[in-house]
Amino acid sequence: MGGQQGGALAPALDVGVAALVFRAGPFYCALPLSEVIETMRPLATRPLAGTPPYVRGLTILRGAPAPVIDMTRLLTGVEAAVDRYVAVRAGRGPVVCATGPVLGVRLVHVQPPEGPAALLAGVSGALIAAVGTVGTEPLLLLHGIAAVPDEVWEAAGAAPPEAPS
């Protein structure tokens, strides 16, 4: 995508984004670095009844409770092994994403939002900013981990977001 093809410059139809790339089951996923706080080994996580299946529960992150989202389950509906936790900035406070292996920071090239990502609906559509590739595999550029239900934030003790003035 982009770059040179046969010695000539290809049209710049994609956008490069510095992102943290990881696996979530069958998908390569990426989070913009501006949203990533840190990565770590999985922390002790306490289950929380009454939440969607993709919410693994609560963990303590830097002394404060934070919800843990199973990214594979969120995106595919199935469980997979968790290798890493990735803390990200979210509306009410940090959210921890339970992921497969973290592959590192890369410049990710994706199609504009009106491309394949525009066809996605529901949670996936709200979560997926754009779609790209890693070799011959699809890559999902994620943004705004807003899939945490209000009751999980309340259980974590996070204050509701302030209304814009």
N, C-alpha and C. Protein backbone atom coordinates (compact mmCIF):
# COMPACT_ATOMS: atom_id res chain seq x y z
N MET A 1 0.84 -1.17 0.00
CA MET A 1 0.00 0.00 0.00
C MET A 1 0.87 1.23 0.00
N GLY A 2 0.61 2.18 -0.83
CA GLY A 2 1.45 3.37 -0.91
C GLY A 2 2.85 2.97 -1.33
N GLY A 3 3.75 3.92 -1.42
CA GLY A 3 5.13 3.60 -1.72
C GLY A 3 5.36 3.41 -3.20
N GLN A 4 6.35 2.55 -3.53
CA GLN A 4 6.71 2.39 -4.93
C GLN A 4 6.20 1.08 -5.49
N GLN A 5 5.73 1.13 -6.72
CA GLN A 5 5.32 -0.07 -7.45
C GLN A 5 5.97 0.03 -8.83
N GLY A 6 6.87 -0.88 -9.12
CA GLY A 6 7.53 -0.87 -10.42
C GLY A 6 8.32 0.40 -10.68
N GLY A 7 8.87 1.03 -9.62
CA GLY A 7 9.69 2.21 -9.77
C GLY A 7 8.91 3.51 -9.74
N ALA A 8 7.59 3.46 -9.87
CA ALA A 8 6.79 4.69 -9.82
C ALA A 8 6.09 4.80 -8.48
N LEU A 9 5.82 6.02 -8.08
CA LEU A 9 5.11 6.20 -6.82
C LEU A 9 3.66 5.79 -6.99
N ALA A 10 3.18 5.00 -6.04
CA ALA A 10 1.77 4.61 -6.06
C ALA A 10 0.96 5.73 -5.43
N PRO A 11 -0.31 5.84 -5.77
CA PRO A 11 -1.15 6.87 -5.17
C PRO A 11 -1.19 6.70 -3.66
N ALA A 12 -1.19 7.79 -2.94
CA ALA A 12 -1.23 7.75 -1.47
C ALA A 12 -2.67 7.57 -1.01
N LEU A 13 -3.15 6.32 -1.09
CA LEU A 13 -4.52 6.02 -0.68
C LEU A 13 -4.60 5.60 0.78
N ASP A 14 -3.48 5.40 1.41
CA ASP A 14 -3.52 4.97 2.79
C ASP A 14 -2.83 6.00 3.67
N VAL A 15 -3.00 5.80 4.98
CA VAL A 15 -2.46 6.72 5.96
C VAL A 15 -1.58 5.93 6.90
N GLY A 16 -0.39 6.42 7.20
CA GLY A 16 0.49 5.75 8.15
C GLY A 16 0.20 6.25 9.56
N VAL A 17 0.08 5.31 10.50
CA VAL A 17 -0.21 5.63 11.90
C VAL A 17 0.78 4.87 12.77
N ALA A 18 1.47 5.57 13.67
CA ALA A 18 2.34 4.90 14.63
C ALA A 18 1.45 4.19 15.63
N ALA A 19 1.61 2.87 15.74
CA ALA A 19 0.68 2.09 16.55
C ALA A 19 1.37 0.91 17.21
N LEU A 20 0.78 0.44 18.31
CA LEU A 20 1.20 -0.78 18.97
C LEU A 20 0.43 -1.92 18.33
N VAL A 21 1.14 -2.89 17.77
CA VAL A 21 0.50 -4.01 17.06
C VAL A 21 0.51 -5.24 17.95
N PHE A 22 -0.63 -5.94 17.98
CA PHE A 22 -0.78 -7.15 18.79
C PHE A 22 -1.73 -8.11 18.11
N ARG A 23 -1.77 -9.34 18.60
CA ARG A 23 -2.72 -10.35 18.11
C ARG A 23 -3.92 -10.37 19.02
N ALA A 24 -5.08 -10.56 18.43
CA ALA A 24 -6.32 -10.82 19.16
C ALA A 24 -6.97 -11.98 18.42
N GLY A 25 -6.67 -13.20 18.86
CA GLY A 25 -7.16 -14.38 18.16
C GLY A 25 -6.66 -14.39 16.74
N PRO A 26 -7.56 -14.46 15.74
CA PRO A 26 -7.13 -14.56 14.35
C PRO A 26 -6.70 -13.24 13.73
N PHE A 27 -6.86 -12.13 14.46
CA PHE A 27 -6.59 -10.82 13.89
C PHE A 27 -5.30 -10.21 14.41
N TYR A 28 -4.65 -9.46 13.51
CA TYR A 28 -3.65 -8.49 13.94
C TYR A 28 -4.44 -7.23 14.25
N CYS A 29 -4.12 -6.60 15.37
CA CYS A 29 -4.79 -5.36 15.75
C CYS A 29 -3.73 -4.32 16.07
N ALA A 30 -4.12 -3.07 16.02
CA ALA A 30 -3.21 -1.98 16.34
C ALA A 30 -3.97 -0.91 17.09
N LEU A 31 -3.29 -0.32 18.06
CA LEU A 31 -3.82 0.83 18.81
C LEU A 31 -2.88 2.00 18.57
N PRO A 32 -3.42 3.17 18.23
CA PRO A 32 -2.54 4.33 18.06
C PRO A 32 -1.73 4.57 19.34
N LEU A 33 -0.46 4.89 19.17
CA LEU A 33 0.40 5.11 20.34
C LEU A 33 -0.14 6.20 21.25
N SER A 34 -0.87 7.16 20.71
CA SER A 34 -1.42 8.24 21.53
C SER A 34 -2.42 7.73 22.56
N GLU A 35 -2.97 6.53 22.35
CA GLU A 35 -3.94 5.96 23.29
C GLU A 35 -3.32 4.96 24.26
N VAL A 36 -2.10 4.50 23.98
CA VAL A 36 -1.47 3.45 24.79
C VAL A 36 -0.74 4.08 25.98
N ILE A 37 -0.98 3.51 27.17
CA ILE A 37 -0.29 3.95 28.37
C ILE A 37 0.93 3.06 28.61
N GLU A 38 0.72 1.74 28.64
CA GLU A 38 1.81 0.79 28.87
C GLU A 38 1.35 -0.62 28.55
N THR A 39 2.33 -1.52 28.40
CA THR A 39 2.04 -2.95 28.25
C THR A 39 2.65 -3.67 29.45
N MET A 40 2.08 -4.82 29.78
CA MET A 40 2.57 -5.57 30.94
C MET A 40 2.14 -7.02 30.84
N ARG A 41 2.72 -7.85 31.71
CA ARG A 41 2.22 -9.22 31.85
C ARG A 41 0.82 -9.13 32.43
N PRO A 42 -0.01 -10.15 32.21
CA PRO A 42 -1.36 -10.12 32.79
C PRO A 42 -1.30 -10.00 34.31
N LEU A 43 -2.15 -9.14 34.83
CA LEU A 43 -2.27 -8.91 36.26
C LEU A 43 -3.41 -9.75 36.82
N ALA A 44 -3.44 -9.91 38.14
CA ALA A 44 -4.57 -10.60 38.78
C ALA A 44 -5.85 -9.85 38.41
N THR A 45 -6.84 -10.60 37.96
CA THR A 45 -8.10 -10.01 37.51
C THR A 45 -9.25 -10.69 38.23
N ARG A 46 -10.13 -9.89 38.79
CA ARG A 46 -11.29 -10.42 39.50
C ARG A 46 -12.51 -10.36 38.60
N PRO A 47 -13.21 -11.49 38.43
CA PRO A 47 -14.40 -11.48 37.58
C PRO A 47 -15.47 -10.56 38.16
N LEU A 48 -16.32 -10.07 37.30
CA LEU A 48 -17.38 -9.15 37.70
C LEU A 48 -18.69 -9.63 37.09
N ALA A 49 -19.61 -10.11 37.95
CA ALA A 49 -20.89 -10.65 37.48
C ALA A 49 -21.72 -9.56 36.81
N GLY A 50 -22.55 -9.98 35.88
CA GLY A 50 -23.49 -9.08 35.24
C GLY A 50 -22.89 -8.22 34.13
N THR A 51 -21.71 -8.55 33.67
CA THR A 51 -21.09 -7.79 32.60
C THR A 51 -21.08 -8.62 31.32
N PRO A 52 -20.89 -7.99 30.18
CA PRO A 52 -20.82 -8.75 28.93
C PRO A 52 -19.66 -9.75 28.96
N PRO A 53 -19.74 -10.81 28.17
CA PRO A 53 -18.71 -11.85 28.19
C PRO A 53 -17.30 -11.34 27.87
N TYR A 54 -17.17 -10.25 27.12
CA TYR A 54 -15.84 -9.74 26.78
C TYR A 54 -15.19 -8.95 27.92
N VAL A 55 -15.92 -8.69 28.99
CA VAL A 55 -15.33 -8.02 30.16
C VAL A 55 -14.81 -9.11 31.09
N ARG A 56 -13.49 -9.19 31.20
CA ARG A 56 -12.87 -10.22 32.05
C ARG A 56 -13.04 -9.90 33.52
N GLY A 57 -13.19 -8.63 33.86
CA GLY A 57 -13.35 -8.22 35.25
C GLY A 57 -12.57 -6.96 35.54
N LEU A 58 -12.09 -6.86 36.79
CA LEU A 58 -11.33 -5.69 37.24
C LEU A 58 -9.94 -6.12 37.67
N THR A 59 -8.98 -5.24 37.42
CA THR A 59 -7.62 -5.43 37.92
C THR A 59 -7.20 -4.14 38.59
N ILE A 60 -6.11 -4.18 39.31
CA ILE A 60 -5.57 -2.97 39.93
C ILE A 60 -4.39 -2.51 39.08
N LEU A 61 -4.54 -1.32 38.52
CA LEU A 61 -3.52 -0.74 37.64
C LEU A 61 -2.98 0.51 38.31
N ARG A 62 -1.73 0.46 38.70
CA ARG A 62 -1.09 1.61 39.35
C ARG A 62 -1.90 2.10 40.55
N GLY A 63 -2.43 1.14 41.34
CA GLY A 63 -3.14 1.47 42.57
C GLY A 63 -4.62 1.78 42.42
N ALA A 64 -5.15 1.73 41.21
CA ALA A 64 -6.57 2.03 41.00
C ALA A 64 -7.24 0.91 40.20
N PRO A 65 -8.52 0.64 40.50
CA PRO A 65 -9.23 -0.40 39.73
C PRO A 65 -9.40 0.02 38.27
N ALA A 66 -9.25 -0.95 37.39
CA ALA A 66 -9.43 -0.71 35.95
C ALA A 66 -10.13 -1.92 35.35
N PRO A 67 -11.11 -1.69 34.46
CA PRO A 67 -11.76 -2.81 33.77
C PRO A 67 -10.82 -3.47 32.78
N VAL A 68 -10.98 -4.79 32.62
CA VAL A 68 -10.17 -5.56 31.68
C VAL A 68 -11.08 -6.09 30.58
N ILE A 69 -10.74 -5.76 29.34
CA ILE A 69 -11.51 -6.18 28.17
C ILE A 69 -10.73 -7.25 27.42
N ASP A 70 -11.35 -8.39 27.17
CA ASP A 70 -10.75 -9.46 26.38
C ASP A 70 -10.94 -9.09 24.91
N MET A 71 -9.87 -8.64 24.27
CA MET A 71 -9.98 -8.14 22.91
C MET A 71 -10.39 -9.21 21.90
N THR A 72 -9.92 -10.44 22.08
CA THR A 72 -10.32 -11.50 21.15
C THR A 72 -11.81 -11.75 21.28
N ARG A 73 -12.30 -11.83 22.49
CA ARG A 73 -13.73 -12.09 22.71
C ARG A 73 -14.58 -10.93 22.20
N LEU A 74 -14.09 -9.70 22.41
CA LEU A 74 -14.82 -8.53 21.94
C LEU A 74 -14.96 -8.54 20.41
N LEU A 75 -13.87 -8.89 19.73
CA LEU A 75 -13.86 -8.83 18.27
C LEU A 75 -14.42 -10.07 17.59
N THR A 76 -14.30 -11.24 18.23
CA THR A 76 -14.69 -12.48 17.56
C THR A 76 -15.78 -13.26 18.28
N GLY A 77 -15.99 -12.99 19.55
CA GLY A 77 -16.98 -13.74 20.32
C GLY A 77 -16.43 -15.03 20.92
N VAL A 78 -15.16 -15.35 20.69
CA VAL A 78 -14.57 -16.57 21.24
C VAL A 78 -13.40 -16.24 22.14
N GLU A 79 -13.08 -17.15 23.05
CA GLU A 79 -11.95 -16.96 23.95
C GLU A 79 -10.66 -17.41 23.29
N ALA A 80 -9.57 -16.79 23.73
CA ALA A 80 -8.22 -17.19 23.27
C ALA A 80 -7.26 -16.92 24.42
N ALA A 81 -6.07 -17.48 24.31
CA ALA A 81 -5.06 -17.28 25.35
C ALA A 81 -4.71 -15.79 25.45
N VAL A 82 -4.44 -15.35 26.67
CA VAL A 82 -4.03 -13.97 26.92
C VAL A 82 -2.55 -13.98 27.26
N ASP A 83 -1.77 -13.22 26.49
CA ASP A 83 -0.32 -13.13 26.72
C ASP A 83 0.06 -11.82 27.41
N ARG A 84 -0.64 -10.74 27.06
CA ARG A 84 -0.26 -9.42 27.55
C ARG A 84 -1.48 -8.60 27.92
N TYR A 85 -1.25 -7.62 28.79
CA TYR A 85 -2.24 -6.59 29.08
C TYR A 85 -1.68 -5.29 28.50
N VAL A 86 -2.56 -4.53 27.86
CA VAL A 86 -2.20 -3.23 27.30
C VAL A 86 -3.15 -2.21 27.91
N ALA A 87 -2.61 -1.29 28.70
CA ALA A 87 -3.42 -0.23 29.30
C ALA A 87 -3.57 0.91 28.29
N VAL A 88 -4.81 1.37 28.11
CA VAL A 88 -5.09 2.44 27.16
C VAL A 88 -5.93 3.52 27.82
N ARG A 89 -5.85 4.72 27.26
CA ARG A 89 -6.67 5.83 27.73
C ARG A 89 -8.09 5.64 27.21
N ALA A 90 -9.05 5.86 28.07
CA ALA A 90 -10.46 5.77 27.68
C ALA A 90 -11.21 6.93 28.34
N GLY A 91 -12.46 7.08 27.99
CA GLY A 91 -13.25 8.21 28.46
C GLY A 91 -13.28 8.42 29.96
N ARG A 92 -13.43 7.37 30.73
CA ARG A 92 -13.57 7.51 32.18
C ARG A 92 -12.32 7.15 32.95
N GLY A 93 -11.30 6.72 32.29
CA GLY A 93 -10.07 6.31 32.95
C GLY A 93 -9.42 5.21 32.15
N PRO A 94 -8.32 4.67 32.65
CA PRO A 94 -7.64 3.62 31.89
C PRO A 94 -8.48 2.35 31.78
N VAL A 95 -8.34 1.70 30.65
CA VAL A 95 -8.93 0.39 30.40
C VAL A 95 -7.77 -0.53 30.05
N VAL A 96 -7.84 -1.77 30.51
CA VAL A 96 -6.80 -2.74 30.22
C VAL A 96 -7.34 -3.70 29.16
N CYS A 97 -6.60 -3.82 28.07
CA CYS A 97 -6.96 -4.74 26.99
C CYS A 97 -6.16 -6.02 27.17
N ALA A 98 -6.85 -7.14 27.32
CA ALA A 98 -6.20 -8.45 27.38
C ALA A 98 -6.00 -8.90 25.94
N THR A 99 -4.73 -9.13 25.56
CA THR A 99 -4.41 -9.44 24.17
C THR A 99 -3.58 -10.71 24.05
N GLY A 100 -3.37 -11.11 22.83
CA GLY A 100 -2.39 -12.15 22.53
C GLY A 100 -1.02 -11.49 22.55
N PRO A 101 -0.06 -12.04 21.81
CA PRO A 101 1.28 -11.47 21.81
C PRO A 101 1.31 -10.04 21.29
N VAL A 102 2.13 -9.20 21.92
CA VAL A 102 2.37 -7.84 21.43
C VAL A 102 3.57 -7.92 20.50
N LEU A 103 3.40 -7.42 19.28
CA LEU A 103 4.42 -7.53 18.25
C LEU A 103 5.32 -6.31 18.16
N GLY A 104 4.95 -5.23 18.83
CA GLY A 104 5.79 -4.04 18.87
C GLY A 104 5.13 -2.83 18.24
N VAL A 105 5.91 -1.76 18.18
CA VAL A 105 5.44 -0.50 17.60
C VAL A 105 5.82 -0.49 16.13
N ARG A 106 4.84 -0.17 15.30
CA ARG A 106 5.06 -0.13 13.85
C ARG A 106 4.29 1.02 13.23
N LEU A 107 4.75 1.44 12.08
CA LEU A 107 3.98 2.39 11.29
C LEU A 107 2.99 1.54 10.51
N VAL A 108 1.72 1.71 10.80
CA VAL A 108 0.66 0.89 10.21
C VAL A 108 0.00 1.68 9.09
N HIS A 109 -0.15 1.04 7.94
CA HIS A 109 -0.83 1.67 6.81
C HIS A 109 -2.22 1.07 6.68
N VAL A 110 -3.21 1.94 6.64
CA VAL A 110 -4.61 1.49 6.62
C VAL A 110 -5.38 2.23 5.53
N GLN A 111 -6.48 1.64 5.15
CA GLN A 111 -7.38 2.28 4.20
C GLN A 111 -8.16 3.37 4.92
N PRO A 112 -8.57 4.41 4.21
CA PRO A 112 -9.38 5.46 4.83
C PRO A 112 -10.66 4.89 5.43
N PRO A 113 -11.26 5.59 6.43
CA PRO A 113 -12.45 5.07 7.12
C PRO A 113 -13.61 4.72 6.21
N GLU A 114 -13.74 5.35 5.05
CA GLU A 114 -14.87 5.01 4.18
C GLU A 114 -14.65 3.70 3.44
N GLY A 115 -13.51 3.05 3.66
CA GLY A 115 -13.20 1.75 3.04
C GLY A 115 -13.89 0.62 3.77
N PRO A 116 -13.22 -0.53 3.93
CA PRO A 116 -13.83 -1.71 4.53
C PRO A 116 -14.37 -1.48 5.94
N ALA A 117 -13.75 -0.60 6.73
CA ALA A 117 -14.22 -0.37 8.10
C ALA A 117 -15.63 0.20 8.12
N ALA A 118 -16.04 0.89 7.06
CA ALA A 118 -17.37 1.49 7.01
C ALA A 118 -18.47 0.43 6.95
N LEU A 119 -18.12 -0.81 6.58
CA LEU A 119 -19.12 -1.87 6.47
C LEU A 119 -19.40 -2.55 7.81
N LEU A 120 -18.58 -2.27 8.81
CA LEU A 120 -18.74 -2.93 10.11
C LEU A 120 -19.79 -2.21 10.94
N ALA A 121 -20.51 -2.96 11.74
CA ALA A 121 -21.57 -2.36 12.55
C ALA A 121 -21.43 -2.81 14.00
N GLY A 122 -22.23 -2.22 14.87
CA GLY A 122 -22.26 -2.61 16.28
C GLY A 122 -20.98 -2.24 16.99
N VAL A 123 -20.61 -3.05 17.98
CA VAL A 123 -19.41 -2.80 18.77
C VAL A 123 -18.20 -2.72 17.87
N SER A 124 -18.09 -3.63 16.90
CA SER A 124 -16.93 -3.63 16.02
C SER A 124 -16.82 -2.34 15.24
N GLY A 125 -17.93 -1.83 14.74
CA GLY A 125 -17.91 -0.59 13.98
C GLY A 125 -17.50 0.59 14.82
N ALA A 126 -17.90 0.62 16.10
CA ALA A 126 -17.51 1.71 16.98
C ALA A 126 -16.06 1.61 17.41
N LEU A 127 -15.51 0.42 17.35
CA LEU A 127 -14.15 0.16 17.82
C LEU A 127 -13.11 0.20 16.72
N ILE A 128 -13.50 -0.14 15.50
CA ILE A 128 -12.54 -0.25 14.40
C ILE A 128 -12.52 1.05 13.61
N ALA A 129 -11.36 1.71 13.64
CA ALA A 129 -11.21 2.98 12.93
C ALA A 129 -10.92 2.77 11.45
N ALA A 130 -10.13 1.73 11.16
CA ALA A 130 -9.73 1.48 9.78
C ALA A 130 -9.24 0.04 9.67
N VAL A 131 -9.09 -0.42 8.43
CA VAL A 131 -8.63 -1.77 8.17
C VAL A 131 -7.42 -1.69 7.25
N GLY A 132 -6.41 -2.50 7.57
CA GLY A 132 -5.21 -2.57 6.76
C GLY A 132 -4.76 -4.01 6.66
N THR A 133 -3.48 -4.22 6.41
CA THR A 133 -2.95 -5.57 6.30
C THR A 133 -1.58 -5.66 6.95
N VAL A 134 -1.24 -6.87 7.37
CA VAL A 134 0.12 -7.25 7.77
C VAL A 134 0.43 -8.41 6.84
N GLY A 135 1.24 -8.16 5.82
CA GLY A 135 1.46 -9.18 4.80
C GLY A 135 0.14 -9.49 4.12
N THR A 136 -0.32 -10.74 4.22
CA THR A 136 -1.60 -11.12 3.62
C THR A 136 -2.71 -11.26 4.65
N GLU A 137 -2.46 -10.80 5.86
CA GLU A 137 -3.45 -10.90 6.94
C GLU A 137 -4.12 -9.56 7.18
N PRO A 138 -5.42 -9.56 7.56
CA PRO A 138 -6.08 -8.29 7.88
C PRO A 138 -5.55 -7.72 9.19
N LEU A 139 -5.51 -6.40 9.26
CA LEU A 139 -5.13 -5.69 10.48
C LEU A 139 -6.24 -4.70 10.80
N LEU A 140 -6.67 -4.69 12.04
CA LEU A 140 -7.72 -3.78 12.48
C LEU A 140 -7.09 -2.66 13.30
N LEU A 141 -7.21 -1.42 12.84
CA LEU A 141 -6.76 -0.28 13.62
C LEU A 141 -7.90 0.11 14.54
N LEU A 142 -7.69 -0.04 15.83
CA LEU A 142 -8.72 0.22 16.82
C LEU A 142 -8.58 1.64 17.35
N HIS A 143 -9.66 2.15 17.89
CA HIS A 143 -9.62 3.46 18.53
C HIS A 143 -10.70 3.55 19.58
N GLY A 144 -10.50 4.43 20.52
CA GLY A 144 -11.52 4.75 21.51
C GLY A 144 -12.16 3.54 22.15
N ILE A 145 -11.44 2.85 23.01
CA ILE A 145 -12.00 1.68 23.68
C ILE A 145 -13.19 2.15 24.51
N ALA A 146 -14.35 2.24 23.87
CA ALA A 146 -15.55 2.74 24.53
C ALA A 146 -16.55 1.62 24.77
N ALA A 147 -16.10 0.39 24.62
CA ALA A 147 -17.01 -0.75 24.72
C ALA A 147 -17.24 -1.19 26.17
N VAL A 148 -16.74 -0.42 27.12
CA VAL A 148 -16.92 -0.78 28.53
C VAL A 148 -18.28 -0.25 28.99
N PRO A 149 -19.17 -1.15 29.41
CA PRO A 149 -20.50 -0.71 29.86
C PRO A 149 -20.41 0.15 31.12
N ASP A 150 -21.38 1.04 31.31
CA ASP A 150 -21.41 1.93 32.46
C ASP A 150 -21.31 1.19 33.79
N GLU A 151 -21.98 0.03 33.90
CA GLU A 151 -21.96 -0.70 35.19
C GLU A 151 -20.56 -1.18 35.55
N VAL A 152 -19.71 -1.42 34.55
CA VAL A 152 -18.33 -1.82 34.83
C VAL A 152 -17.56 -0.62 35.36
N TRP A 153 -17.74 0.54 34.73
CA TRP A 153 -17.09 1.77 35.22
C TRP A 153 -17.53 2.07 36.65
N GLU A 154 -18.83 1.91 36.90
CA GLU A 154 -19.34 2.18 38.25
C GLU A 154 -18.72 1.23 39.26
N ALA A 155 -18.59 -0.05 38.91
CA ALA A 155 -17.97 -1.02 39.80
C ALA A 155 -16.50 -0.70 40.03
N ALA A 156 -15.86 -0.11 39.02
CA ALA A 156 -14.45 0.26 39.14
C ALA A 156 -14.27 1.55 39.92
N GLY A 157 -15.38 2.24 40.21
CA GLY A 157 -15.30 3.47 40.97
C GLY A 157 -14.94 4.68 40.14
N ALA A 158 -15.09 4.61 38.84
CA ALA A 158 -14.76 5.75 37.97
C ALA A 158 -15.93 6.72 37.92
N ALA A 159 -15.62 7.99 37.97
CA ALA A 159 -16.65 9.01 37.89
C ALA A 159 -17.19 9.09 36.47
N PRO A 160 -18.48 9.44 36.32
CA PRO A 160 -19.01 9.58 34.96
C PRO A 160 -18.31 10.72 34.23
N PRO A 161 -18.25 10.65 32.90
CA PRO A 161 -17.58 11.70 32.16
C PRO A 161 -18.35 13.01 32.33
N GLU A 162 -17.61 14.12 32.36
CA GLU A 162 -18.25 15.41 32.50
C GLU A 162 -18.85 15.81 31.15
N ALA A 163 -19.99 16.49 31.24
CA ALA A 163 -20.63 16.97 30.02
C ALA A 163 -19.82 18.13 29.46
N PRO A 164 -19.68 18.21 28.13
CA PRO A 164 -18.94 19.32 27.55
C PRO A 164 -19.63 20.65 27.85
N SER A 165 -18.82 21.68 28.11
CA SER A 165 -19.44 22.97 28.42
C SER A 165 -19.49 23.88 27.23
